[in-house]
């Protein structure tokens, strides 16, 4: 699944399907679905493009819309392995946490928890003073892998 496909699926499941059920009519939702198809193409370009500020603003809007709640955004570790999770960590880090557990850091980096432990032990990743790994270090490592 690519980023655009994941965004389409999330928007359908979390926004449009419930609206269609509530309205008991798929016609108004069809127009919104068509508009979102166009928007997702533009959002994908923004998220994958070069302007970090625009990407971070869009990430904030998407997370606020797709994952609403009174609690801080704390997705399961596997979420970070999804196309959206990978874009979020590369562009913004973690929206609400300065550090994450070794398991979450591993998911963000695409390695095991033990792999993160080894990187920390060898000094390749810093340990956060409160435990875990700083999200900024994970983001920097991913960016350096993209642009050696």
Protein backbone atom coordinates (compact mmCIF):
# COMPACT_ATOMS: atom_id res chain seq x y z
CA UNK A 1 0.00 0.00 0.00
CA UNK A 2 1.35 3.44 -0.86
CA UNK A 3 0.74 6.75 0.93
CA UNK A 4 -2.13 7.91 -1.29
CA UNK A 5 -3.88 4.56 -0.96
CA UNK A 6 -3.54 4.63 2.83
CA UNK A 7 -4.92 8.18 2.99
CA UNK A 8 -7.87 7.23 0.77
CA UNK A 9 -8.62 4.20 2.93
CA UNK A 10 -8.37 6.19 6.20
CA UNK A 11 -10.58 8.98 4.89
CA UNK A 12 -13.19 6.51 3.66
CA UNK A 13 -13.21 4.46 6.86
CA UNK A 14 -13.03 7.28 9.40
CA UNK A 15 -14.94 10.10 7.71
CA UNK A 16 -16.97 9.17 4.69
CA UNK A 17 -18.43 5.79 5.64
CA UNK A 18 -19.74 7.08 9.00
CA UNK A 19 -21.19 10.14 7.26
CA UNK A 20 -22.90 7.95 4.66
CA UNK A 21 -24.39 5.82 7.44
CA UNK A 22 -25.54 8.87 9.37
CA UNK A 23 -27.15 10.52 6.34
CA UNK A 24 -28.56 7.26 4.98
CA UNK A 25 -27.63 8.59 1.56
CA UNK A 26 -24.48 8.06 -0.45
CA UNK A 27 -25.07 10.89 -2.94
CA UNK A 28 -23.75 13.82 -0.86
CA UNK A 29 -20.80 11.70 0.25
CA UNK A 30 -19.99 10.84 -3.37
CA UNK A 31 -19.22 14.49 -4.13
CA UNK A 32 -16.95 14.73 -1.08
CA UNK A 33 -15.27 11.44 -2.04
CA UNK A 34 -14.48 12.90 -5.50
CA UNK A 35 -13.05 16.06 -3.95
CA UNK A 36 -10.94 14.08 -1.49
CA UNK A 37 -9.53 11.99 -4.34
CA UNK A 38 -8.15 15.22 -5.84
CA UNK A 39 -6.96 16.55 -2.49
CA UNK A 40 -5.17 13.34 -1.58
CA UNK A 41 -3.07 13.62 -4.74
CA UNK A 42 -2.00 17.13 -3.72
CA UNK A 43 -1.46 16.14 -0.09
CA UNK A 44 0.73 13.24 -1.16
CA UNK A 45 2.90 15.61 -3.18
CA UNK A 46 3.16 17.97 -0.20
CA UNK A 47 4.03 15.18 2.22
CA UNK A 48 6.61 13.63 -0.07
CA UNK A 49 7.96 16.99 -1.35
CA UNK A 50 10.64 19.31 -0.11
CA UNK A 51 8.82 21.92 2.03
CA UNK A 52 9.00 20.72 5.64
CA UNK A 53 6.82 23.51 7.03
CA UNK A 54 3.95 22.74 4.65
CA UNK A 55 4.30 19.01 5.31
CA UNK A 56 4.27 19.49 9.09
CA UNK A 57 1.16 21.70 8.91
CA UNK A 58 -0.60 19.10 6.77
CA UNK A 59 0.47 16.29 9.10
CA UNK A 60 -1.03 18.19 12.04
CA UNK A 61 -4.33 18.61 10.17
CA UNK A 62 -4.45 14.98 9.06
CA UNK A 63 -3.67 13.57 12.50
CA UNK A 64 -6.13 15.92 14.16
CA UNK A 65 -8.84 14.87 11.71
CA UNK A 66 -8.13 11.16 11.31
CA UNK A 67 -7.18 10.42 14.92
CA UNK A 68 -9.32 12.75 17.06
CA UNK A 69 -9.52 12.36 20.79
CA UNK A 70 -8.94 13.94 24.14
CA UNK A 71 -5.72 12.00 24.68
CA UNK A 72 -2.36 12.67 23.04
CA UNK A 73 -1.72 10.90 19.74
CA UNK A 74 0.05 7.68 20.70
CA UNK A 75 -0.34 5.19 17.86
CA UNK A 76 0.76 1.58 18.26
CA UNK A 77 4.32 0.80 17.18
CA UNK A 78 3.14 -0.90 13.97
CA UNK A 79 1.50 2.33 12.79
CA UNK A 80 4.96 3.83 12.31
CA UNK A 81 5.71 1.16 9.68
CA UNK A 82 2.81 2.35 7.49
CA UNK A 83 3.38 4.81 4.64
CA UNK A 84 1.75 7.63 6.66
CA UNK A 85 3.72 6.72 9.79
CA UNK A 86 6.98 6.76 7.83
CA UNK A 87 6.20 10.17 6.31
CA UNK A 88 5.25 11.56 9.73
CA UNK A 89 8.47 10.42 11.38
CA UNK A 90 10.63 11.66 8.49
CA UNK A 91 8.94 15.05 8.19
CA UNK A 92 7.78 15.87 11.74
CA UNK A 93 9.20 13.24 14.07
CA UNK A 94 6.49 12.46 16.59
CA UNK A 95 3.80 15.13 16.83
CA UNK A 96 3.52 14.95 20.63
CA UNK A 97 6.53 13.12 22.09
CA UNK A 98 10.16 14.10 22.48
CA UNK A 99 11.22 10.48 23.01
CA UNK A 100 9.84 7.03 22.30
CA UNK A 101 10.44 3.52 23.59
CA UNK A 102 12.97 1.24 21.92
CA UNK A 103 10.10 -0.78 20.41
CA UNK A 104 8.54 2.31 18.85
CA UNK A 105 11.94 3.58 17.73
CA UNK A 106 12.50 0.21 16.06
CA UNK A 107 9.18 0.47 14.23
CA UNK A 108 10.03 3.99 13.11
CA UNK A 109 13.44 2.86 11.85
CA UNK A 110 12.23 -0.43 10.39
CA UNK A 111 14.42 -2.52 12.71
CA UNK A 112 13.90 -4.55 15.85
CA UNK A 113 13.88 -3.30 19.42
CA UNK A 114 17.17 -5.16 19.87
CA UNK A 115 18.57 -3.32 16.84
CA UNK A 116 17.75 0.00 18.51
CA UNK A 117 19.35 -1.20 21.74
CA UNK A 118 22.51 -2.06 19.79
CA UNK A 119 22.57 1.36 18.09
CA UNK A 120 22.22 3.09 21.46
CA UNK A 121 24.90 0.90 23.05
CA UNK A 122 27.33 1.67 20.19
CA UNK A 123 26.58 5.40 20.36
CA UNK A 124 24.87 5.52 16.95
CA UNK A 125 21.64 6.72 18.57
CA UNK A 126 21.50 8.78 21.77
CA UNK A 127 19.50 7.69 24.77
CA UNK A 128 16.95 10.23 25.97
CA UNK A 129 17.52 11.35 29.60
CA UNK A 130 13.99 10.17 30.47
CA UNK A 131 14.54 6.81 28.74
CA UNK A 132 13.94 5.66 25.22
CA UNK A 133 15.32 7.43 22.17
CA UNK A 134 14.89 11.08 21.13
CA UNK A 135 12.51 11.32 18.20
CA UNK A 136 14.69 14.02 16.65
CA UNK A 137 17.60 11.55 16.48
CA UNK A 138 15.38 8.98 14.74
CA UNK A 139 14.19 11.58 12.24
CA UNK A 140 17.77 12.72 11.58
CA UNK A 141 18.95 9.14 11.09
CA UNK A 142 16.16 8.45 8.56
CA UNK A 143 16.90 11.66 6.69
CA UNK A 144 20.62 10.84 6.57
CA UNK A 145 19.82 7.39 5.15
CA UNK A 146 17.80 9.07 2.38
CA UNK A 147 20.55 11.59 1.60
CA UNK A 148 23.93 10.00 2.42
